[in-house]
Amino acid sequence: MIFNTKVFFIARPPSLIVWNCETHQQFELSIAYQHRLSELISTPESFDQTCSIDKDFLDAGVIKYPNDSEIEWGWDRLSEIFHSGTKCIPLESQPNDLADSTKQYSAHCKETLSKPPPIESFKKSSSNHITLPPPNRAISAGLVHVLKTRKTCRNYDSSPVHAMFQDHLEDEAKHALFFADLFKTIWHQSTPQQKHFFAKILPSILKIFSSGDSYWLIKALIEAGISLDAAETINDLLNNETSTNKRVSSGASMTFSVLRKVNFFSEPTYASLFLQAGLPYE
């Protein structure tokens, strides 16, 4: 029996809080549970399946059976906690497949659009502003250098903010290069089942990110004085299957480049999935 590395503890006298950042669950331990936890930390082999406290720890994911297939994190523990604790927050009803996921996302969008938008509020800050240096266009610099030298200011004055936007875009370019390189490492370590799952959902993901916001576009055109019929016609021209596929081809060039580098399209099944989705990869 081992302790889950995705679990950490926070002392809040008189209780001890257990936080499972993988399942996003928190538990408050009583004195009895704290004592038993201390015993298990000292002697994990003392785990007793007939003990109700031990069973509760197991069900909550605090302890678990060893798994030889578990991937070693490789970085410091704090980064693992942050990575696990800020992703994939579970839904009340987990989708079983792509159709379920799409249905839930569509329902979420409709619910969001049915609510009035928040009232915009701007408040002038009294704090001193940070003068940003000219953006550094040497995007070939390493990630560590980028993180150490980057400067960002969230307070704006009346001067042009073009340099700030330029700096932000170049930051994003560096991030894209880093994660593209990271993907190559992860891809080579993935199992055939993981690769097939990724290949199956990737065309849909690319299309979702490249789809236009029809609600916003029509609303913006009407506010600009365009008639509803004309706005819907413009939307139909910009937000159809052909237009979306073109946006994927132009906007996901980095993604296609990385996929070619790992010989993704050399697998006929993967290549066929992209062609069936109307996404030529050549």
C-alpha atoms as a PDB file:
ATOM      1  CA  MET A   1       0.000   0.000   0.000  1.00  0.00           C
ATOM      2  CA  ILE A   2       1.339   3.462  -0.928  1.00  0.00           C
ATOM      3  CA  PHE A   3       0.241   7.046  -0.420  1.00  0.00           C
ATOM      4  CA  ASN A   4      -1.215   8.919  -3.381  1.00  0.00           C
ATOM      5  CA  THR A   5       1.242  11.593  -4.549  1.00  0.00           C
ATOM      6  CA  LYS A   6      -1.718  13.718  -5.707  1.00  0.00           C
ATOM      7  CA  VAL A   7      -2.807  14.158  -2.069  1.00  0.00           C
ATOM      8  CA  PHE A   8      -1.491  16.791   0.321  1.00  0.00           C
ATOM      9  CA  PHE A   9      -2.400  17.887   3.836  1.00  0.00           C
ATOM     10  CA  ILE A  10      -3.232  21.258   5.429  1.00  0.00           C
ATOM     11  CA  ALA A  11      -3.294  21.768   9.190  1.00  0.00           C
ATOM     12  CA  ARG A  12      -6.411  23.634  10.324  1.00  0.00           C
ATOM     13  CA  PRO A  13      -6.562  23.052  14.110  1.00  0.00           C
ATOM     14  CA  PRO A  14      -8.206  21.124  15.541  1.00  0.00           C
ATOM     15  CA  SER A  15      -8.560  19.230  12.256  1.00  0.00           C
ATOM     16  CA  LEU A  16      -6.312  18.066   9.459  1.00  0.00           C
ATOM     17  CA  ILE A  17      -7.530  18.730   5.921  1.00  0.00           C
ATOM     18  CA  VAL A  18      -6.803  16.157   3.218  1.00  0.00           C
ATOM     19  CA  TRP A  19      -6.880  17.550  -0.314  1.00  0.00           C
ATOM     20  CA  ASN A  20      -6.938  15.173  -3.267  1.00  0.00           C
ATOM     21  CA  CYS A  21      -6.002  17.529  -6.088  1.00  0.00           C
ATOM     22  CA  GLU A  22      -6.562  14.794  -8.685  1.00  0.00           C
ATOM     23  CA  THR A  23     -10.249  14.287  -7.852  1.00  0.00           C
ATOM     24  CA  HIS A  24     -10.683  17.832  -6.443  1.00  0.00           C
ATOM     25  CA  GLN A  25     -12.037  16.459  -3.157  1.00  0.00           C
ATOM     26  CA  GLN A  26     -11.311  17.684   0.364  1.00  0.00           C
ATOM     27  CA  PHE A  27     -11.805  15.821   3.643  1.00  0.00           C
ATOM     28  CA  GLU A  28     -11.586  16.908   7.270  1.00  0.00           C
ATOM     29  CA  LEU A  29      -9.929  14.292   9.488  1.00  0.00           C
ATOM     30  CA  SER A  30     -10.999  13.759  13.084  1.00  0.00           C
ATOM     31  CA  ILE A  31      -8.520  12.865  15.829  1.00  0.00           C
ATOM     32  CA  ALA A  32      -9.080   9.145  15.267  1.00  0.00           C
ATOM     33  CA  TYR A  33      -8.382   9.470  11.551  1.00  0.00           C
ATOM     34  CA  GLN A  34      -5.311  11.610  12.226  1.00  0.00           C
ATOM     35  CA  HIS A  35      -3.866   8.982  14.552  1.00  0.00           C
ATOM     36  CA  ARG A  36      -4.497   6.195  12.065  1.00  0.00           C
ATOM     37  CA  LEU A  37      -3.011   8.280   9.249  1.00  0.00           C
ATOM     38  CA  SER A  38       0.162   8.752  11.291  1.00  0.00           C
ATOM     39  CA  GLU A  39       0.375   4.990  11.834  1.00  0.00           C
ATOM     40  CA  LEU A  40      -0.023   4.267   8.125  1.00  0.00           C
ATOM     41  CA  ILE A  41       2.648   6.815   7.234  1.00  0.00           C
ATOM     42  CA  SER A  42       5.072   5.069   9.616  1.00  0.00           C
ATOM     43  CA  THR A  43       4.072   1.528   8.639  1.00  0.00           C
ATOM     44  CA  PRO A  44       2.138   1.344   5.322  1.00  0.00           C
ATOM     45  CA  GLU A  45       2.166  -2.451   5.583  1.00  0.00           C
ATOM     46  CA  SER A  46      -0.174  -2.181   8.585  1.00  0.00           C
ATOM     47  CA  PHE A  47      -3.079  -1.430   6.227  1.00  0.00           C
ATOM     48  CA  ASP A  48      -6.092  -3.485   7.322  1.00  0.00           C
ATOM     49  CA  GLN A  49      -8.967  -4.073   4.910  1.00  0.00           C
ATOM     50  CA  THR A  50     -11.289  -4.790   7.842  1.00  0.00           C
ATOM     51  CA  CYS A  51     -10.555  -1.396   9.419  1.00  0.00           C
ATOM     52  CA  SER A  52     -13.263   1.141   8.510  1.00  0.00           C
ATOM     53  CA  ILE A  53     -10.807   4.059   8.671  1.00  0.00           C
ATOM     54  CA  ASP A  54      -8.355   2.318   6.348  1.00  0.00           C
ATOM     55  CA  LYS A  55     -11.194   1.570   3.949  1.00  0.00           C
ATOM     56  CA  ASP A  56     -12.260   5.242   4.011  1.00  0.00           C
ATOM     57  CA  PHE A  57      -8.684   6.307   3.192  1.00  0.00           C
ATOM     58  CA  LEU A  58      -8.623   3.851   0.302  1.00  0.00           C
ATOM     59  CA  ASP A  59     -12.015   4.964  -1.070  1.00  0.00           C
ATOM     60  CA  ALA A  60     -10.971   8.638  -0.830  1.00  0.00           C
ATOM     61  CA  GLY A  61      -7.770   7.957  -2.761  1.00  0.00           C
ATOM     62  CA  VAL A  62      -5.482   8.946   0.114  1.00  0.00           C
ATOM     63  CA  ILE A  63      -3.797   5.546  -0.109  1.00  0.00           C
ATOM     64  CA  LYS A  64      -3.851   3.106  -2.985  1.00  0.00           C
ATOM     65  CA  TYR A  65      -2.440  -0.133  -4.229  1.00  0.00           C
ATOM     66  CA  PRO A  66       0.902   0.110  -6.066  1.00  0.00           C
ATOM     67  CA  ASN A  67       0.556   0.484  -9.823  1.00  0.00           C
ATOM     68  CA  ASP A  68       3.573  -0.392 -11.942  1.00  0.00           C
ATOM     69  CA  SER A  69       2.156   1.526 -14.927  1.00  0.00           C
ATOM     70  CA  GLU A  70       1.996   4.836 -13.023  1.00  0.00           C
ATOM     71  CA  ILE A  71       4.053   7.506 -14.777  1.00  0.00           C
ATOM     72  CA  GLU A  72       6.738   9.196 -12.691  1.00  0.00           C
ATOM     73  CA  TRP A  73       6.091  12.957 -12.582  1.00  0.00           C
ATOM     74  CA  GLY A  74       9.748  13.927 -12.938  1.00  0.00           C
ATOM     75  CA  TRP A  75       9.525  17.521 -11.668  1.00  0.00           C
ATOM     76  CA  ASP A  76       9.150  18.982  -8.197  1.00  0.00           C
ATOM     77  CA  ARG A  77       6.135  18.102  -6.063  1.00  0.00           C
ATOM     78  CA  LEU A  78       4.688  21.625  -5.976  1.00  0.00           C
ATOM     79  CA  SER A  79       4.434  21.712  -9.761  1.00  0.00           C
ATOM     80  CA  GLU A  80       2.663  18.335  -9.717  1.00  0.00           C
ATOM     81  CA  ILE A  81       0.108  19.608  -7.201  1.00  0.00           C
ATOM     82  CA  PHE A  82      -0.492  22.738  -9.289  1.00  0.00           C
ATOM     83  CA  HIS A  83      -0.742  20.758 -12.540  1.00  0.00           C
ATOM     84  CA  SER A  84      -3.211  18.227 -11.141  1.00  0.00           C
ATOM     85  CA  GLY A  85      -5.209  20.699  -9.076  1.00  0.00           C
ATOM     86  CA  THR A  86      -5.942  23.104 -11.921  1.00  0.00           C
ATOM     87  CA  LYS A  87      -7.038  20.735 -14.659  1.00  0.00           C
ATOM     88  CA  CYS A  88      -9.978  18.512 -15.498  1.00  0.00           C
ATOM     89  CA  ILE A  89     -12.302  19.623 -12.711  1.00  0.00           C
ATOM     90  CA  PRO A  90     -14.865  16.763 -12.693  1.00  0.00           C
ATOM     91  CA  LEU A  91     -18.420  17.358 -13.831  1.00  0.00           C
ATOM     92  CA  GLU A  92     -21.433  16.087 -11.939  1.00  0.00           C
ATOM     93  CA  SER A  93     -22.115  13.845 -14.933  1.00  0.00           C
ATOM     94  CA  GLN A  94     -18.956  12.695 -16.688  1.00  0.00           C
ATOM     95  CA  PRO A  95     -19.277  12.327 -20.494  1.00  0.00           C
ATOM     96  CA  ASN A  96     -18.788   8.791 -21.777  1.00  0.00           C
ATOM     97  CA  ASP A  97     -17.754   9.675 -25.312  1.00  0.00           C
ATOM     98  CA  LEU A  98     -17.317  12.544 -27.760  1.00  0.00           C
ATOM     99  CA  ALA A  99     -21.075  12.798 -28.384  1.00  0.00           C
ATOM    100  CA  ASP A 100     -21.802  13.168 -24.660  1.00  0.00           C
ATOM    101  CA  SER A 101     -19.020  15.719 -24.287  1.00  0.00           C
ATOM    102  CA  THR A 102     -20.337  17.766 -27.214  1.00  0.00           C
ATOM    103  CA  LYS A 103     -23.885  17.619 -25.842  1.00  0.00           C
ATOM    104  CA  GLN A 104     -22.801  18.809 -22.398  1.00  0.00           C
ATOM    105  CA  TYR A 105     -20.682  21.608 -23.872  1.00  0.00           C
ATOM    106  CA  SER A 106     -23.589  22.760 -26.047  1.00  0.00           C
ATOM    107  CA  ALA A 107     -25.908  22.752 -23.029  1.00  0.00           C
ATOM    108  CA  HIS A 108     -23.373  24.758 -21.041  1.00  0.00           C
ATOM    109  CA  CYS A 109     -23.106  27.351 -23.841  1.00  0.00           C
ATOM    110  CA  LYS A 110     -26.887  27.706 -24.082  1.00  0.00           C
ATOM    111  CA  GLU A 111     -27.160  28.134 -20.317  1.00  0.00           C
ATOM    112  CA  THR A 112     -24.415  30.766 -20.335  1.00  0.00           C
ATOM    113  CA  LEU A 113     -25.967  32.693 -23.235  1.00  0.00           C
ATOM    114  CA  SER A 114     -29.367  32.677 -21.502  1.00  0.00           C
ATOM    115  CA  LYS A 115     -27.934  34.763 -18.661  1.00  0.00           C
ATOM    116  CA  PRO A 116     -27.351  38.525 -18.961  1.00  0.00           C
ATOM    117  CA  PRO A 117     -23.692  39.489 -19.438  1.00  0.00           C
ATOM    118  CA  PRO A 118     -21.879  40.930 -16.419  1.00  0.00           C
ATOM    119  CA  ILE A 119     -21.837  44.695 -16.083  1.00  0.00           C
ATOM    120  CA  GLU A 120     -18.543  46.104 -17.278  1.00  0.00           C
ATOM    121  CA  SER A 121     -16.680  47.972 -14.589  1.00  0.00           C
ATOM    122  CA  PHE A 122     -13.449  49.905 -14.950  1.00  0.00           C
ATOM    123  CA  LYS A 123     -11.574  51.271 -11.993  1.00  0.00           C
ATOM    124  CA  LYS A 124      -8.499  53.422 -12.338  1.00  0.00           C
ATOM    125  CA  SER A 125      -5.596  52.077 -10.327  1.00  0.00           C
ATOM    126  CA  SER A 126      -3.648  54.428  -8.076  1.00  0.00           C
ATOM    127  CA  SER A 127      -0.554  52.211  -8.077  1.00  0.00           C
ATOM    128  CA  ASN A 128       2.581  53.089 -10.004  1.00  0.00           C
ATOM    129  CA  HIS A 129       2.759  51.705 -13.515  1.00  0.00           C
ATOM    130  CA  ILE A 130       5.551  49.502 -14.762  1.00  0.00           C
ATOM    131  CA  THR A 131       7.293  50.700 -17.897  1.00  0.00           C
ATOM    132  CA  LEU A 132       7.611  47.752 -20.246  1.00  0.00           C
ATOM    133  CA  PRO A 133      10.802  47.388 -22.293  1.00  0.00           C
ATOM    134  CA  PRO A 134      10.611  46.960 -26.089  1.00  0.00           C
ATOM    135  CA  PRO A 135       9.594  43.385 -26.978  1.00  0.00           C
ATOM    136  CA  ASN A 136      12.398  40.921 -27.620  1.00  0.00           C
ATOM    137  CA  ARG A 137      11.776  39.230 -30.958  1.00  0.00           C
ATOM    138  CA  ALA A 138      14.397  36.502 -30.448  1.00  0.00           C
ATOM    139  CA  ILE A 139      11.835  33.726 -30.015  1.00  0.00           C
ATOM    140  CA  SER A 140      14.540  31.079 -30.295  1.00  0.00           C
ATOM    141  CA  ALA A 141      15.574  31.806 -26.695  1.00  0.00           C
ATOM    142  CA  GLY A 142      15.115  28.933 -24.234  1.00  0.00           C
ATOM    143  CA  LEU A 143      12.105  28.652 -21.929  1.00  0.00           C
ATOM    144  CA  VAL A 144      14.096  29.313 -18.738  1.00  0.00           C
ATOM    145  CA  HIS A 145      15.489  32.539 -20.236  1.00  0.00           C
ATOM    146  CA  VAL A 146      11.980  33.599 -21.271  1.00  0.00           C
ATOM    147  CA  LEU A 147      10.527  33.001 -17.816  1.00  0.00           C
ATOM    148  CA  LYS A 148      13.340  34.935 -16.135  1.00  0.00           C
ATOM    149  CA  THR A 149      13.244  37.938 -18.457  1.00  0.00           C
ATOM    150  CA  ARG A 150       9.537  38.346 -19.246  1.00  0.00           C
ATOM    151  CA  LYS A 151       7.772  41.408 -17.867  1.00  0.00           C
ATOM    152  CA  THR A 152       4.032  41.982 -17.813  1.00  0.00           C
ATOM    153  CA  CYS A 153       1.994  44.922 -16.561  1.00  0.00           C
ATOM    154  CA  ARG A 154      -1.747  44.731 -15.941  1.00  0.00           C
ATOM    155  CA  ASN A 155      -2.080  48.479 -15.314  1.00  0.00           C
ATOM    156  CA  TYR A 156      -2.596  50.611 -18.414  1.00  0.00           C
ATOM    157  CA  ASP A 157      -1.983  54.291 -18.903  1.00  0.00           C
ATOM    158  CA  SER A 158      -2.874  56.551 -21.814  1.00  0.00           C
ATOM    159  CA  SER A 159       0.193  55.558 -23.877  1.00  0.00           C
ATOM    160  CA  PRO A 160      -0.191  53.099 -26.780  1.00  0.00           C
ATOM    161  CA  VAL A 161      -0.304  49.456 -25.715  1.00  0.00           C
ATOM    162  CA  HIS A 162       0.979  48.075 -29.014  1.00  0.00           C
ATOM    163  CA  ALA A 163       4.298  47.065 -27.432  1.00  0.00           C
ATOM    164  CA  MET A 164       2.490  45.155 -24.718  1.00  0.00           C
ATOM    165  CA  PHE A 165       0.367  43.225 -27.211  1.00  0.00           C
ATOM    166  CA  GLN A 166       3.459  42.505 -29.301  1.00  0.00           C
ATOM    167  CA  ASP A 167       5.281  41.228 -26.241  1.00  0.00           C
ATOM    168  CA  HIS A 168       2.319  39.037 -25.321  1.00  0.00           C
ATOM    169  CA  LEU A 169       2.128  37.498 -28.791  1.00  0.00           C
ATOM    170  CA  GLU A 170       5.835  36.736 -28.754  1.00  0.00           C
ATOM    171  CA  ASP A 171       5.444  35.123 -25.333  1.00  0.00           C
ATOM    172  CA  GLU A 172       2.719  32.928 -26.795  1.00  0.00           C
ATOM    173  CA  ALA A 173       5.009  31.992 -29.681  1.00  0.00           C
ATOM    174  CA  LYS A 174       7.662  30.846 -27.217  1.00  0.00           C
ATOM    175  CA  HIS A 175       5.098  28.854 -25.275  1.00  0.00           C
ATOM    176  CA  ALA A 176       3.921  27.198 -28.495  1.00  0.00           C
ATOM    177  CA  LEU A 177       7.475  26.170 -29.346  1.00  0.00           C
ATOM    178  CA  PHE A 178       7.969  24.729 -25.867  1.00  0.00           C
ATOM    179  CA  PHE A 179       4.738  22.724 -25.825  1.00  0.00           C
ATOM    180  CA  ALA A 180       5.313  21.518 -29.373  1.00  0.00           C
ATOM    181  CA  ASP A 181       8.617  20.056 -28.231  1.00  0.00           C
ATOM    182  CA  LEU A 182       6.938  18.636 -25.125  1.00  0.00           C
ATOM    183  CA  PHE A 183       4.288  16.932 -27.263  1.00  0.00           C
ATOM    184  CA  LYS A 184       6.966  15.007 -29.167  1.00  0.00           C
ATOM    185  CA  THR A 185       8.265  13.583 -25.899  1.00  0.00           C
ATOM    186  CA  ILE A 186       4.801  12.634 -24.642  1.00  0.00           C
ATOM    187  CA  TRP A 187       3.780  11.102 -27.970  1.00  0.00           C
ATOM    188  CA  HIS A 188       6.723   8.703 -28.019  1.00  0.00           C
ATOM    189  CA  GLN A 189       5.903   7.634 -24.449  1.00  0.00           C
ATOM    190  CA  SER A 190       2.192   7.053 -25.130  1.00  0.00           C
ATOM    191  CA  THR A 191       0.622   3.634 -25.492  1.00  0.00           C
ATOM    192  CA  PRO A 192      -1.076   2.597 -28.780  1.00  0.00           C
ATOM    193  CA  GLN A 193      -4.467   2.990 -27.087  1.00  0.00           C
ATOM    194  CA  GLN A 194      -3.624   6.528 -25.955  1.00  0.00           C
ATOM    195  CA  LYS A 195      -2.375   7.447 -29.432  1.00  0.00           C
ATOM    196  CA  HIS A 196      -5.537   6.119 -31.066  1.00  0.00           C
ATOM    197  CA  PHE A 197      -7.754   8.055 -28.643  1.00  0.00           C
ATOM    198  CA  PHE A 198      -5.809  11.245 -29.314  1.00  0.00           C
ATOM    199  CA  ALA A 199      -5.957  10.747 -33.090  1.00  0.00           C
ATOM    200  CA  LYS A 200      -9.715  10.171 -32.915  1.00  0.00           C
ATOM    201  CA  ILE A 201     -10.589  13.351 -31.012  1.00  0.00           C
ATOM    202  CA  LEU A 202      -7.962  15.740 -32.421  1.00  0.00           C
ATOM    203  CA  PRO A 203      -9.869  16.697 -35.632  1.00  0.00           C
ATOM    204  CA  SER A 204     -12.926  17.611 -33.547  1.00  0.00           C
ATOM    205  CA  ILE A 205     -10.820  19.625 -31.094  1.00  0.00           C
ATOM    206  CA  LEU A 206      -9.191  21.578 -33.922  1.00  0.00           C
ATOM    207  CA  LYS A 207     -12.585  22.359 -35.431  1.00  0.00           C
ATOM    208  CA  ILE A 208     -14.020  23.505 -32.093  1.00  0.00           C
ATOM    209  CA  PHE A 209     -11.133  25.931 -31.570  1.00  0.00           C
ATOM    210  CA  SER A 210     -11.434  27.171 -35.162  1.00  0.00           C
ATOM    211  CA  SER A 211     -15.199  27.615 -35.156  1.00  0.00           C
ATOM    212  CA  GLY A 212     -16.568  31.131 -35.223  1.00  0.00           C
ATOM    213  CA  ASP A 213     -18.760  32.550 -32.470  1.00  0.00           C
ATOM    214  CA  SER A 214     -22.018  32.906 -34.377  1.00  0.00           C
ATOM    215  CA  TYR A 215     -23.908  34.444 -31.463  1.00  0.00           C
ATOM    216  CA  TRP A 216     -21.309  37.177 -30.953  1.00  0.00           C
ATOM    217  CA  LEU A 217     -20.870  37.844 -34.688  1.00  0.00           C
ATOM    218  CA  ILE A 218     -24.575  38.283 -35.415  1.00  0.00           C
ATOM    219  CA  LYS A 219     -25.040  40.429 -32.290  1.00  0.00           C
ATOM    220  CA  ALA A 220     -22.046  42.636 -33.228  1.00  0.00           C
ATOM    221  CA  LEU A 221     -23.275  43.086 -36.820  1.00  0.00           C
ATOM    222  CA  ILE A 222     -26.765  44.050 -35.673  1.00  0.00           C
ATOM    223  CA  GLU A 223     -25.319  46.563 -33.202  1.00  0.00           C
ATOM    224  CA  ALA A 224     -23.320  48.018 -36.112  1.00  0.00           C
ATOM    225  CA  GLY A 225     -26.550  48.657 -38.034  1.00  0.00           C
ATOM    226  CA  ILE A 226     -26.634  45.504 -40.171  1.00  0.00           C
ATOM    227  CA  SER A 227     -30.058  43.902 -40.617  1.00  0.00           C
ATOM    228  CA  LEU A 228     -30.732  40.510 -39.052  1.00  0.00           C
ATOM    229  CA  ASP A 229     -31.091  38.803 -42.460  1.00  0.00           C
ATOM    230  CA  ALA A 230     -27.807  40.269 -43.673  1.00  0.00           C
ATOM    231  CA  ALA A 231     -26.059  39.379 -40.411  1.00  0.00           C
ATOM    232  CA  GLU A 232     -27.240  35.775 -40.660  1.00  0.00           C
ATOM    233  CA  THR A 233     -26.093  35.597 -44.284  1.00  0.00           C
ATOM    234  CA  ILE A 234     -22.633  36.868 -43.327  1.00  0.00           C
ATOM    235  CA  ASN A 235     -22.504  34.373 -40.477  1.00  0.00           C
ATOM    236  CA  ASP A 236     -23.462  31.516 -42.802  1.00  0.00           C
ATOM    237  CA  LEU A 237     -20.628  32.484 -45.155  1.00  0.00           C
ATOM    238  CA  LEU A 238     -18.033  32.647 -42.372  1.00  0.00           C
ATOM    239  CA  ASN A 239     -19.192  29.834 -40.112  1.00  0.00           C
ATOM    240  CA  ASN A 240     -19.726  26.786 -42.266  1.00  0.00           C
ATOM    241  CA  GLU A 241     -17.831  23.518 -42.623  1.00  0.00           C
ATOM    242  CA  THR A 242     -15.622  24.750 -45.471  1.00  0.00           C
ATOM    243  CA  SER A 243     -14.674  27.987 -43.707  1.00  0.00           C
ATOM    244  CA  THR A 244     -13.947  26.191 -40.454  1.00  0.00           C
ATOM    245  CA  ASN A 245     -11.690  23.684 -42.214  1.00  0.00           C
ATOM    246  CA  LYS A 246      -9.780  26.536 -43.862  1.00  0.00           C
ATOM    247  CA  ARG A 247      -9.272  28.189 -40.470  1.00  0.00           C
ATOM    248  CA  VAL A 248      -7.950  24.907 -39.095  1.00  0.00           C
ATOM    249  CA  SER A 249      -5.439  24.640 -41.943  1.00  0.00           C
ATOM    250  CA  SER A 250      -4.161  28.185 -41.430  1.00  0.00           C
ATOM    251  CA  GLY A 251      -4.443  28.495 -37.664  1.00  0.00           C
ATOM    252  CA  ALA A 252      -3.127  25.077 -36.642  1.00  0.00           C
ATOM    253  CA  SER A 253       0.020  25.082 -38.762  1.00  0.00           C
ATOM    254  CA  MET A 254       2.193  24.509 -35.667  1.00  0.00           C
ATOM    255  CA  THR A 255       0.060  21.502 -34.706  1.00  0.00           C
ATOM    256  CA  PHE A 256       0.332  19.969 -38.180  1.00  0.00           C
ATOM    257  CA  SER A 257       4.078  20.592 -38.208  1.00  0.00           C
ATOM    258  CA  VAL A 258       4.562  18.711 -34.932  1.00  0.00           C
ATOM    259  CA  LEU A 259       2.336  15.855 -36.086  1.00  0.00           C
ATOM    260  CA  ARG A 260       4.490  15.441 -39.180  1.00  0.00           C
ATOM    261  CA  LYS A 261       7.658  15.407 -37.078  1.00  0.00           C
ATOM    262  CA  VAL A 262       6.382  12.439 -35.045  1.00  0.00           C
ATOM    263  CA  ASN A 263       5.260  10.661 -38.273  1.00  0.00           C
ATOM    264  CA  PHE A 264       1.636  10.892 -37.143  1.00  0.00           C
ATOM    265  CA  PHE A 265       0.253  10.842 -40.683  1.00  0.00           C
ATOM    266  CA  SER A 266       2.384   7.834 -41.648  1.00  0.00           C
ATOM    267  CA  GLU A 267      -0.214   5.740 -39.836  1.00  0.00           C
ATOM    268  CA  PRO A 268      -3.001   5.225 -42.438  1.00  0.00           C
ATOM    269  CA  THR A 269      -5.734   5.101 -39.782  1.00  0.00           C
ATOM    270  CA  TYR A 270      -4.747   8.486 -38.353  1.00  0.00           C
ATOM    271  CA  ALA A 271      -4.406  10.068 -41.783  1.00  0.00           C
ATOM    272  CA  SER A 272      -7.829   8.722 -42.754  1.00  0.00           C
ATOM    273  CA  LEU A 273      -9.453  10.329 -39.695  1.00  0.00           C
ATOM    274  CA  PHE A 274      -8.200  13.749 -40.795  1.00  0.00           C
ATOM    275  CA  LEU A 275      -9.275  13.266 -44.407  1.00  0.00           C
ATOM    276  CA  GLN A 276     -12.737  12.103 -43.339  1.00  0.00           C
ATOM    277  CA  ALA A 277     -13.043  15.299 -41.276  1.00  0.00           C
ATOM    278  CA  GLY A 278     -12.176  17.383 -44.340  1.00  0.00           C
ATOM    279  CA  LEU A 279      -8.751  18.358 -43.020  1.00  0.00           C
ATOM    280  CA  PRO A 280      -6.000  17.746 -45.590  1.00  0.00           C
ATOM    281  CA  TYR A 281      -2.649  17.431 -43.888  1.00  0.00           C
ATOM    282  CA  GLU A 282      -0.323  17.839 -46.858  1.00  0.00           C
END
